[in-house]
Amino acid sequence: MRGLGWPLGCPARGWVVNFPDGVEDAAQFQDAPWASFPAGAEGLWLKSFEGEQAAGDDPADAFLYQDVVGNPGVEYSVSAMFKEEAFYSAEATRLGMQFYTGGFVFIGEASLDVAAKHPGDAEWYKYSISGVAPAGTVIVRVWGEVKGLHR
């Protein structure tokens, strides 16, 4: 995937990107037509070429998330635009949400395997997932992740 675009052109304010594998260049916010949808919006560029750069290097991972206040019984949804370019290679690319208690105890999740649905034709596609917050929900974490980026 070359990027995640934010619906309605809103910027990526409030989002956090972390790198569980320590390869900090695996993703970056980018305002460029090839990395964001619609043009002029800030998107997240997932750089598969950052994984396995040299012999013995591990694949790269990136995790983008935002926590919002949640309420039990409410349906939440998250949507993102994805575009895959030639030579994109990753073990998993997913979009989802997790539900937590006030003590940040995990109580549920809904997720979508974007890579399995994406046709890989260098066009932007919108993917959405929704889920009803279980009893005890106080925090909803919406997220996108890529695991195993490699050349």
C-alpha atoms as a PDB file:
ATOM      1  CA  MET A   1       0.000   0.000   0.000  1.00  0.00           C
ATOM      2  CA  ARG A   2       1.396   3.333  -0.872  1.00  0.00           C
ATOM      3  CA  GLY A   3      -0.791   5.254   1.494  1.00  0.00           C
ATOM      4  CA  LEU A   4      -3.762   5.754   3.701  1.00  0.00           C
ATOM      5  CA  GLY A   5      -5.941   8.728   2.810  1.00  0.00           C
ATOM      6  CA  TRP A   6      -8.259  10.449   5.241  1.00  0.00           C
ATOM      7  CA  PRO A   7     -11.903  10.848   4.209  1.00  0.00           C
ATOM      8  CA  LEU A   8     -13.129  14.393   3.449  1.00  0.00           C
ATOM      9  CA  GLY A   9      -9.562  15.674   3.160  1.00  0.00           C
ATOM     10  CA  CYS A  10      -9.086  15.999   6.912  1.00  0.00           C
ATOM     11  CA  PRO A  11      -5.435  15.972   8.022  1.00  0.00           C
ATOM     12  CA  ALA A  12      -3.941  13.190  10.104  1.00  0.00           C
ATOM     13  CA  ARG A  13      -4.034  15.221  13.344  1.00  0.00           C
ATOM     14  CA  GLY A  14      -4.310  13.153  16.494  1.00  0.00           C
ATOM     15  CA  TRP A  15      -2.910   9.992  14.916  1.00  0.00           C
ATOM     16  CA  VAL A  16       0.113   8.207  16.328  1.00  0.00           C
ATOM     17  CA  VAL A  17       2.480   6.033  14.302  1.00  0.00           C
ATOM     18  CA  ASN A  18       4.739   3.591  16.062  1.00  0.00           C
ATOM     19  CA  PHE A  19       7.170   1.014  14.797  1.00  0.00           C
ATOM     20  CA  PRO A  20       7.054  -2.243  16.793  1.00  0.00           C
ATOM     21  CA  ASP A  21      10.124  -3.551  14.985  1.00  0.00           C
ATOM     22  CA  GLY A  22      12.197  -0.388  15.494  1.00  0.00           C
ATOM     23  CA  VAL A  23      12.482   0.467  11.764  1.00  0.00           C
ATOM     24  CA  GLU A  24      11.272   4.062  12.028  1.00  0.00           C
ATOM     25  CA  ASP A  25      11.306   4.761   8.312  1.00  0.00           C
ATOM     26  CA  ALA A  26       8.696   2.095   7.488  1.00  0.00           C
ATOM     27  CA  ALA A  27       5.948   4.747   7.312  1.00  0.00           C
ATOM     28  CA  GLN A  28       5.730   8.516   7.265  1.00  0.00           C
ATOM     29  CA  PHE A  29       3.049  11.173   6.944  1.00  0.00           C
ATOM     30  CA  GLN A  30       3.228  12.662   3.485  1.00  0.00           C
ATOM     31  CA  ASP A  31       1.287  15.369   1.643  1.00  0.00           C
ATOM     32  CA  ALA A  32       1.764  14.181  -1.932  1.00  0.00           C
ATOM     33  CA  PRO A  33      -0.644  13.026  -4.648  1.00  0.00           C
ATOM     34  CA  TRP A  34       0.858   9.527  -4.627  1.00  0.00           C
ATOM     35  CA  ALA A  35       0.555   9.158  -0.832  1.00  0.00           C
ATOM     36  CA  SER A  36      -2.755  10.801   0.036  1.00  0.00           C
ATOM     37  CA  PHE A  37      -6.392  10.882  -0.988  1.00  0.00           C
ATOM     38  CA  PRO A  38      -7.815  13.272  -1.855  1.00  0.00           C
ATOM     39  CA  ALA A  39      -4.897  15.277  -3.222  1.00  0.00           C
ATOM     40  CA  GLY A  40      -3.780  17.886  -0.717  1.00  0.00           C
ATOM     41  CA  ALA A  41      -4.692  15.772   2.305  1.00  0.00           C
ATOM     42  CA  GLU A  42      -2.006  14.313   4.522  1.00  0.00           C
ATOM     43  CA  GLY A  43      -1.624  10.563   4.081  1.00  0.00           C
ATOM     44  CA  LEU A  44       0.521   7.802   5.517  1.00  0.00           C
ATOM     45  CA  TRP A  45       3.089   6.330   3.143  1.00  0.00           C
ATOM     46  CA  LEU A  46       3.843   2.670   3.885  1.00  0.00           C
ATOM     47  CA  LYS A  47       7.319   2.014   2.496  1.00  0.00           C
ATOM     48  CA  SER A  48       7.830  -1.667   1.749  1.00  0.00           C
ATOM     49  CA  PHE A  49      11.379  -1.000   0.575  1.00  0.00           C
ATOM     50  CA  GLU A  50      12.388  -0.235   4.185  1.00  0.00           C
ATOM     51  CA  GLY A  51      12.106  -3.890   5.195  1.00  0.00           C
ATOM     52  CA  GLU A  52      14.969  -6.293   4.597  1.00  0.00           C
ATOM     53  CA  GLN A  53      17.232  -3.540   3.229  1.00  0.00           C
ATOM     54  CA  ALA A  54      20.359  -5.596   3.763  1.00  0.00           C
ATOM     55  CA  ALA A  55      21.091  -9.284   4.119  1.00  0.00           C
ATOM     56  CA  GLY A  56      19.843 -10.454   7.512  1.00  0.00           C
ATOM     57  CA  ASP A  57      17.549  -7.439   8.088  1.00  0.00           C
ATOM     58  CA  ASP A  58      14.061  -8.154   9.360  1.00  0.00           C
ATOM     59  CA  PRO A  59      10.887  -7.050   7.569  1.00  0.00           C
ATOM     60  CA  ALA A  60       9.477  -3.718   8.804  1.00  0.00           C
ATOM     61  CA  ASP A  61       6.192  -3.034  10.658  1.00  0.00           C
ATOM     62  CA  ALA A  62       4.159   0.120  11.265  1.00  0.00           C
ATOM     63  CA  PHE A  63       1.059   0.732  13.392  1.00  0.00           C
ATOM     64  CA  LEU A  64      -1.121   3.853  13.088  1.00  0.00           C
ATOM     65  CA  TYR A  65      -3.775   4.521  15.709  1.00  0.00           C
ATOM     66  CA  GLN A  66      -6.000   7.041  17.419  1.00  0.00           C
ATOM     67  CA  ASP A  67      -7.876   6.585  20.702  1.00  0.00           C
ATOM     68  CA  VAL A  68     -11.343   8.080  21.098  1.00  0.00           C
ATOM     69  CA  VAL A  69     -13.876   8.035  23.916  1.00  0.00           C
ATOM     70  CA  GLY A  70     -16.282   5.128  23.528  1.00  0.00           C
ATOM     71  CA  ASN A  71     -19.630   4.006  24.944  1.00  0.00           C
ATOM     72  CA  PRO A  72     -21.017   0.465  25.266  1.00  0.00           C
ATOM     73  CA  GLY A  73     -23.640  -0.540  22.730  1.00  0.00           C
ATOM     74  CA  VAL A  74     -22.697   2.149  20.205  1.00  0.00           C
ATOM     75  CA  GLU A  75     -21.692   1.135  16.681  1.00  0.00           C
ATOM     76  CA  TYR A  76     -18.361   2.623  15.576  1.00  0.00           C
ATOM     77  CA  SER A  77     -16.885   2.598  12.104  1.00  0.00           C
ATOM     78  CA  VAL A  78     -13.584   3.531  10.528  1.00  0.00           C
ATOM     79  CA  SER A  79     -12.855   4.052   6.846  1.00  0.00           C
ATOM     80  CA  ALA A  80      -9.636   4.649   4.977  1.00  0.00           C
ATOM     81  CA  MET A  81      -8.496   4.934   1.400  1.00  0.00           C
ATOM     82  CA  PHE A  82      -5.804   2.496   0.274  1.00  0.00           C
ATOM     83  CA  LYS A  83      -3.705   2.397  -2.851  1.00  0.00           C
ATOM     84  CA  GLU A  84      -1.263  -0.354  -3.713  1.00  0.00           C
ATOM     85  CA  GLU A  85       1.587   0.229  -6.110  1.00  0.00           C
ATOM     86  CA  ALA A  86       3.722  -2.201  -8.033  1.00  0.00           C
ATOM     87  CA  PHE A  87       6.238  -4.021  -5.862  1.00  0.00           C
ATOM     88  CA  TYR A  88       4.336  -3.408  -2.608  1.00  0.00           C
ATOM     89  CA  SER A  89       5.053  -6.422  -0.468  1.00  0.00           C
ATOM     90  CA  ALA A  90       3.902  -7.094   3.092  1.00  0.00           C
ATOM     91  CA  GLU A  91       2.780 -10.066   5.139  1.00  0.00           C
ATOM     92  CA  ALA A  92      -0.367  -8.253   6.381  1.00  0.00           C
ATOM     93  CA  THR A  93      -2.147  -4.927   5.860  1.00  0.00           C
ATOM     94  CA  ARG A  94      -5.184  -4.427   8.117  1.00  0.00           C
ATOM     95  CA  LEU A  95      -7.687  -1.804   9.241  1.00  0.00           C
ATOM     96  CA  GLY A  96      -9.647  -2.093  12.454  1.00  0.00           C
ATOM     97  CA  MET A  97     -10.734  -1.010  15.892  1.00  0.00           C
ATOM     98  CA  GLN A  98     -10.228  -2.311  19.415  1.00  0.00           C
ATOM     99  CA  PHE A  99     -12.367  -1.756  22.480  1.00  0.00           C
ATOM    100  CA  TYR A 100     -10.915  -1.142  25.958  1.00  0.00           C
ATOM    101  CA  THR A 101     -12.135  -0.521  29.504  1.00  0.00           C
ATOM    102  CA  GLY A 102     -11.160   2.614  31.425  1.00  0.00           C
ATOM    103  CA  GLY A 103      -8.169   0.679  32.809  1.00  0.00           C
ATOM    104  CA  PHE A 104      -7.127  -0.047  29.218  1.00  0.00           C
ATOM    105  CA  VAL A 105      -8.057  -3.734  29.407  1.00  0.00           C
ATOM    106  CA  PHE A 106      -8.750  -5.167  25.941  1.00  0.00           C
ATOM    107  CA  ILE A 107     -12.363  -6.403  25.563  1.00  0.00           C
ATOM    108  CA  GLY A 108     -12.992  -6.753  21.833  1.00  0.00           C
ATOM    109  CA  GLU A 109     -11.945  -6.081  18.268  1.00  0.00           C
ATOM    110  CA  ALA A 110     -13.173  -5.784  14.698  1.00  0.00           C
ATOM    111  CA  SER A 111     -10.695  -5.876  11.818  1.00  0.00           C
ATOM    112  CA  LEU A 112     -10.440  -6.187   8.061  1.00  0.00           C
ATOM    113  CA  ASP A 113      -7.656  -7.783   6.000  1.00  0.00           C
ATOM    114  CA  VAL A 114      -7.264  -5.045   3.382  1.00  0.00           C
ATOM    115  CA  ALA A 115      -4.531  -6.842   1.435  1.00  0.00           C
ATOM    116  CA  ALA A 116      -6.821  -9.818   0.814  1.00  0.00           C
ATOM    117  CA  LYS A 117      -9.497  -7.565  -0.727  1.00  0.00           C
ATOM    118  CA  HIS A 118      -7.322  -5.052  -2.588  1.00  0.00           C
ATOM    119  CA  PRO A 119      -6.944  -5.698  -6.334  1.00  0.00           C
ATOM    120  CA  GLY A 120      -3.408  -4.212  -6.483  1.00  0.00           C
ATOM    121  CA  ASP A 121      -4.109  -2.074  -9.536  1.00  0.00           C
ATOM    122  CA  ALA A 122      -2.622   1.269  -8.358  1.00  0.00           C
ATOM    123  CA  GLU A 123      -6.067   2.834  -7.829  1.00  0.00           C
ATOM    124  CA  TRP A 124      -7.504   4.244  -4.589  1.00  0.00           C
ATOM    125  CA  TYR A 125     -10.169   2.138  -2.843  1.00  0.00           C
ATOM    126  CA  LYS A 126     -12.163   2.889   0.281  1.00  0.00           C
ATOM    127  CA  TYR A 127     -12.368   0.193   2.956  1.00  0.00           C
ATOM    128  CA  SER A 128     -14.547   0.348   6.053  1.00  0.00           C
ATOM    129  CA  ILE A 129     -15.109  -1.712   9.160  1.00  0.00           C
ATOM    130  CA  SER A 130     -17.642  -1.285  11.943  1.00  0.00           C
ATOM    131  CA  GLY A 131     -18.304  -2.868  15.291  1.00  0.00           C
ATOM    132  CA  VAL A 132     -20.553  -2.453  18.307  1.00  0.00           C
ATOM    133  CA  ALA A 133     -18.727  -1.521  21.502  1.00  0.00           C
ATOM    134  CA  PRO A 134     -19.120  -4.286  24.102  1.00  0.00           C
ATOM    135  CA  ALA A 135     -20.181  -3.710  27.714  1.00  0.00           C
ATOM    136  CA  GLY A 136     -17.489  -1.878  29.652  1.00  0.00           C
ATOM    137  CA  THR A 137     -16.119   0.080  26.657  1.00  0.00           C
ATOM    138  CA  VAL A 138     -14.601   3.441  27.556  1.00  0.00           C
ATOM    139  CA  ILE A 139     -11.917   3.703  24.838  1.00  0.00           C
ATOM    140  CA  VAL A 140     -12.108   2.830  21.149  1.00  0.00           C
ATOM    141  CA  ARG A 141      -8.772   2.552  19.345  1.00  0.00           C
ATOM    142  CA  VAL A 142      -9.092   2.839  15.559  1.00  0.00           C
ATOM    143  CA  TRP A 143      -6.036   1.636  13.687  1.00  0.00           C
ATOM    144  CA  GLY A 144      -4.277   0.623  10.523  1.00  0.00           C
ATOM    145  CA  GLU A 145      -1.285  -1.675  10.527  1.00  0.00           C
ATOM    146  CA  VAL A 146       1.195  -3.225   8.201  1.00  0.00           C
ATOM    147  CA  LYS A 147       3.362  -6.170   9.190  1.00  0.00           C
ATOM    148  CA  GLY A 148       6.290  -7.657   7.370  1.00  0.00           C
ATOM    149  CA  LEU A 149       7.081  -4.959   4.829  1.00  0.00           C
ATOM    150  CA  HIS A 150       9.849  -6.288   2.611  1.00  0.00           C
ATOM    151  CA  ARG A 151      11.527  -5.811  -0.742  1.00  0.00           C
END
